[in-house]
Amino acid sequence: MAGINAAALAVFAADKRNARSRKRRFRERHLLALAALGGSPGAIAAQRLLRHKTKKEPFRTWLGLIVFVQLVAVCGWVAYRLM
């Protein structure tokens, strides 16, 4: 799990660096895919630490939805395990 979060943080950082130097950027769907594959904590951390894609819509909404779905899934799994 740490690997995908480190990868998400690194890709967000590279995208921010590329944005500043006007180089080729990562597609938003690839950034969201990293979050959906388990890297949402790394993506959120990158957003906060780097101030990257914090106001961009609909990216922000999609990332929030991914985090919400993952939280519901984890809570459901924990509830199932406690039964």
N, C-alpha and C. Protein backbone atom coordinates (compact mmCIF):
# COMPACT_ATOMS: atom_id res chain seq x y z
N MET A 1 0.81 -1.19 0.00
CA MET A 1 0.00 0.00 0.00
C MET A 1 0.86 1.26 0.00
N ALA A 2 1.97 1.20 0.70
CA ALA A 2 2.85 2.38 0.75
C ALA A 2 3.42 2.69 -0.63
N GLY A 3 3.65 1.65 -1.42
CA GLY A 3 4.24 1.85 -2.75
C GLY A 3 3.34 2.65 -3.68
N ILE A 4 2.05 2.31 -3.72
CA ILE A 4 1.13 3.03 -4.60
C ILE A 4 0.93 4.47 -4.12
N ASN A 5 0.97 4.67 -2.81
CA ASN A 5 0.83 6.04 -2.28
C ASN A 5 2.07 6.87 -2.58
N ALA A 6 3.25 6.25 -2.48
CA ALA A 6 4.49 6.95 -2.84
C ALA A 6 4.49 7.27 -4.33
N ALA A 7 4.00 6.33 -5.14
CA ALA A 7 3.93 6.56 -6.58
C ALA A 7 2.97 7.70 -6.90
N ALA A 8 1.81 7.73 -6.26
CA ALA A 8 0.85 8.80 -6.49
C ALA A 8 1.45 10.15 -6.11
N LEU A 9 2.09 10.21 -4.97
CA LEU A 9 2.71 11.46 -4.53
C LEU A 9 3.79 11.89 -5.52
N ALA A 10 4.60 10.95 -5.99
CA ALA A 10 5.67 11.27 -6.94
C ALA A 10 5.12 11.75 -8.28
N VAL A 11 4.07 11.12 -8.76
CA VAL A 11 3.49 11.53 -10.05
C VAL A 11 2.83 12.90 -9.92
N PHE A 12 2.14 13.15 -8.82
CA PHE A 12 1.57 14.48 -8.60
C PHE A 12 2.68 15.53 -8.55
N ALA A 13 3.78 15.21 -7.88
CA ALA A 13 4.91 16.15 -7.79
C ALA A 13 5.50 16.40 -9.17
N ALA A 14 5.65 15.34 -9.96
CA ALA A 14 6.19 15.50 -11.32
C ALA A 14 5.24 16.34 -12.17
N ASP A 15 3.94 16.13 -12.02
CA ASP A 15 2.96 16.91 -12.77
C ASP A 15 3.03 18.38 -12.38
N LYS A 16 3.18 18.64 -11.10
CA LYS A 16 3.30 20.04 -10.64
C LYS A 16 4.57 20.68 -11.21
N ARG A 17 5.66 19.92 -11.18
CA ARG A 17 6.93 20.41 -11.72
C ARG A 17 6.79 20.68 -13.22
N ASN A 18 6.14 19.78 -13.94
CA ASN A 18 5.94 19.96 -15.38
C ASN A 18 5.03 21.15 -15.67
N ALA A 19 4.04 21.36 -14.82
CA ALA A 19 3.14 22.51 -15.00
C ALA A 19 3.90 23.82 -14.87
N ARG A 20 4.78 23.88 -13.89
CA ARG A 20 5.55 25.11 -13.68
C ARG A 20 6.52 25.39 -14.82
N SER A 21 7.10 24.34 -15.39
CA SER A 21 8.08 24.53 -16.46
C SER A 21 7.47 24.40 -17.85
N ARG A 22 6.12 24.34 -17.88
CA ARG A 22 5.37 24.27 -19.14
C ARG A 22 5.78 23.09 -20.01
N LYS A 23 6.00 21.96 -19.37
CA LYS A 23 6.30 20.72 -20.08
C LYS A 23 5.05 19.86 -20.15
N ARG A 24 5.19 18.74 -20.83
CA ARG A 24 4.05 17.82 -20.99
C ARG A 24 3.56 17.33 -19.63
N ARG A 25 2.23 17.36 -19.46
CA ARG A 25 1.61 17.01 -18.19
C ARG A 25 1.07 15.59 -18.21
N PHE A 26 0.79 15.07 -17.03
CA PHE A 26 0.12 13.78 -16.91
C PHE A 26 -1.37 14.01 -17.12
N ARG A 27 -2.04 13.07 -17.73
CA ARG A 27 -3.49 13.18 -17.91
C ARG A 27 -4.17 13.05 -16.55
N GLU A 28 -5.24 13.82 -16.38
CA GLU A 28 -5.97 13.77 -15.12
C GLU A 28 -6.51 12.37 -14.85
N ARG A 29 -6.92 11.67 -15.89
CA ARG A 29 -7.46 10.32 -15.67
C ARG A 29 -6.39 9.38 -15.14
N HIS A 30 -5.11 9.62 -15.48
CA HIS A 30 -4.03 8.79 -14.94
C HIS A 30 -3.78 9.11 -13.46
N LEU A 31 -3.88 10.38 -13.11
CA LEU A 31 -3.75 10.77 -11.71
C LEU A 31 -4.89 10.17 -10.89
N LEU A 32 -6.10 10.22 -11.44
CA LEU A 32 -7.24 9.65 -10.74
C LEU A 32 -7.15 8.12 -10.66
N ALA A 33 -6.60 7.50 -11.68
CA ALA A 33 -6.42 6.04 -11.67
C ALA A 33 -5.48 5.62 -10.55
N LEU A 34 -4.41 6.38 -10.36
CA LEU A 34 -3.51 6.08 -9.25
C LEU A 34 -4.24 6.15 -7.91
N ALA A 35 -5.08 7.15 -7.76
CA ALA A 35 -5.85 7.28 -6.53
C ALA A 35 -6.82 6.11 -6.38
N ALA A 36 -7.49 5.73 -7.46
CA ALA A 36 -8.47 4.65 -7.42
C ALA A 36 -7.82 3.30 -7.14
N LEU A 37 -6.58 3.14 -7.52
CA LEU A 37 -5.87 1.87 -7.29
C LEU A 37 -5.32 1.76 -5.88
N GLY A 38 -5.64 2.71 -5.03
CA GLY A 38 -5.22 2.65 -3.64
C GLY A 38 -4.30 3.78 -3.22
N GLY A 39 -4.00 4.67 -4.15
CA GLY A 39 -3.09 5.76 -3.84
C GLY A 39 -3.78 7.04 -3.43
N SER A 40 -5.03 6.96 -2.98
CA SER A 40 -5.74 8.18 -2.61
C SER A 40 -5.10 8.92 -1.43
N PRO A 41 -4.56 8.22 -0.41
CA PRO A 41 -3.87 9.00 0.64
C PRO A 41 -2.66 9.77 0.09
N GLY A 42 -1.92 9.16 -0.82
CA GLY A 42 -0.79 9.85 -1.43
C GLY A 42 -1.23 11.01 -2.30
N ALA A 43 -2.36 10.83 -3.01
CA ALA A 43 -2.89 11.89 -3.86
C ALA A 43 -3.37 13.08 -3.02
N ILE A 44 -4.07 12.78 -1.94
CA ILE A 44 -4.55 13.85 -1.05
C ILE A 44 -3.36 14.57 -0.40
N ALA A 45 -2.38 13.79 0.03
CA ALA A 45 -1.18 14.40 0.63
C ALA A 45 -0.49 15.31 -0.38
N ALA A 46 -0.37 14.84 -1.62
CA ALA A 46 0.27 15.66 -2.66
C ALA A 46 -0.51 16.93 -2.90
N GLN A 47 -1.83 16.82 -2.95
CA GLN A 47 -2.66 18.01 -3.14
C GLN A 47 -2.38 19.04 -2.05
N ARG A 48 -2.35 18.58 -0.83
CA ARG A 48 -2.17 19.50 0.30
C ARG A 48 -0.74 20.04 0.37
N LEU A 49 0.25 19.15 0.25
CA LEU A 49 1.65 19.57 0.38
C LEU A 49 2.11 20.45 -0.78
N LEU A 50 1.67 20.08 -1.99
CA LEU A 50 2.15 20.78 -3.18
C LEU A 50 1.19 21.86 -3.67
N ARG A 51 -0.01 21.91 -3.05
CA ARG A 51 -1.06 22.83 -3.50
C ARG A 51 -1.30 22.64 -4.99
N HIS A 52 -1.51 21.37 -5.35
CA HIS A 52 -1.67 21.01 -6.76
C HIS A 52 -3.06 20.42 -6.99
N LYS A 53 -3.76 20.96 -7.95
CA LYS A 53 -5.10 20.53 -8.34
C LYS A 53 -6.10 20.66 -7.20
N THR A 54 -5.95 21.68 -6.39
CA THR A 54 -6.86 21.86 -5.25
C THR A 54 -8.15 22.57 -5.66
N LYS A 55 -8.13 23.31 -6.75
CA LYS A 55 -9.32 24.04 -7.19
C LYS A 55 -9.86 23.53 -8.52
N LYS A 56 -9.14 22.63 -9.14
CA LYS A 56 -9.50 22.13 -10.46
C LYS A 56 -10.74 21.24 -10.40
N GLU A 57 -11.79 21.65 -11.09
CA GLU A 57 -13.01 20.85 -11.19
C GLU A 57 -13.10 20.33 -12.62
N PRO A 58 -13.58 19.14 -12.85
CA PRO A 58 -14.20 18.21 -11.91
C PRO A 58 -13.20 17.28 -11.22
N PHE A 59 -11.90 17.51 -11.40
CA PHE A 59 -10.88 16.64 -10.80
C PHE A 59 -11.09 16.50 -9.29
N ARG A 60 -11.30 17.60 -8.63
CA ARG A 60 -11.46 17.60 -7.18
C ARG A 60 -12.66 16.75 -6.75
N THR A 61 -13.76 16.89 -7.48
CA THR A 61 -14.96 16.11 -7.17
C THR A 61 -14.72 14.62 -7.40
N TRP A 62 -14.06 14.27 -8.50
CA TRP A 62 -13.78 12.86 -8.78
C TRP A 62 -12.87 12.26 -7.72
N LEU A 63 -11.86 13.00 -7.30
CA LEU A 63 -10.97 12.50 -6.27
C LEU A 63 -11.72 12.31 -4.95
N GLY A 64 -12.57 13.25 -4.62
CA GLY A 64 -13.39 13.13 -3.42
C GLY A 64 -14.31 11.91 -3.48
N LEU A 65 -14.87 11.65 -4.64
CA LEU A 65 -15.74 10.49 -4.82
C LEU A 65 -14.96 9.19 -4.67
N ILE A 66 -13.76 9.14 -5.21
CA ILE A 66 -12.90 7.97 -5.08
C ILE A 66 -12.60 7.71 -3.61
N VAL A 67 -12.24 8.75 -2.88
CA VAL A 67 -11.93 8.61 -1.46
C VAL A 67 -13.17 8.13 -0.70
N PHE A 68 -14.33 8.69 -1.02
CA PHE A 68 -15.57 8.29 -0.36
C PHE A 68 -15.87 6.82 -0.60
N VAL A 69 -15.78 6.37 -1.84
CA VAL A 69 -16.05 4.97 -2.16
C VAL A 69 -15.07 4.05 -1.44
N GLN A 70 -13.80 4.44 -1.40
CA GLN A 70 -12.81 3.62 -0.70
C GLN A 70 -13.10 3.55 0.80
N LEU A 71 -13.51 4.66 1.39
CA LEU A 71 -13.84 4.66 2.82
C LEU A 71 -15.05 3.78 3.11
N VAL A 72 -16.07 3.85 2.26
CA VAL A 72 -17.25 3.00 2.43
C VAL A 72 -16.86 1.53 2.31
N ALA A 73 -16.00 1.21 1.35
CA ALA A 73 -15.55 -0.17 1.17
C ALA A 73 -14.78 -0.66 2.38
N VAL A 74 -13.89 0.15 2.91
CA VAL A 74 -13.11 -0.24 4.09
C VAL A 74 -14.03 -0.41 5.29
N CYS A 75 -14.95 0.52 5.50
CA CYS A 75 -15.89 0.41 6.63
C CYS A 75 -16.75 -0.84 6.49
N GLY A 76 -17.20 -1.14 5.28
CA GLY A 76 -17.99 -2.35 5.04
C GLY A 76 -17.19 -3.60 5.33
N TRP A 77 -15.94 -3.62 4.91
CA TRP A 77 -15.08 -4.77 5.16
C TRP A 77 -14.84 -4.96 6.66
N VAL A 78 -14.58 -3.86 7.35
CA VAL A 78 -14.34 -3.95 8.81
C VAL A 78 -15.62 -4.44 9.51
N ALA A 79 -16.77 -3.91 9.13
CA ALA A 79 -18.03 -4.34 9.74
C ALA A 79 -18.27 -5.82 9.48
N TYR A 80 -17.99 -6.28 8.29
CA TYR A 80 -18.15 -7.69 7.94
C TYR A 80 -17.23 -8.56 8.79
N ARG A 81 -16.00 -8.12 8.97
CA ARG A 81 -15.01 -8.89 9.75
C ARG A 81 -15.38 -8.94 11.23
N LEU A 82 -16.08 -7.94 11.73
CA LEU A 82 -16.44 -7.90 13.14
C LEU A 82 -17.69 -8.73 13.45
N MET A 83 -18.40 -9.16 12.42
CA MET A 83 -19.63 -9.94 12.65
C MET A 83 -19.31 -11.36 13.05
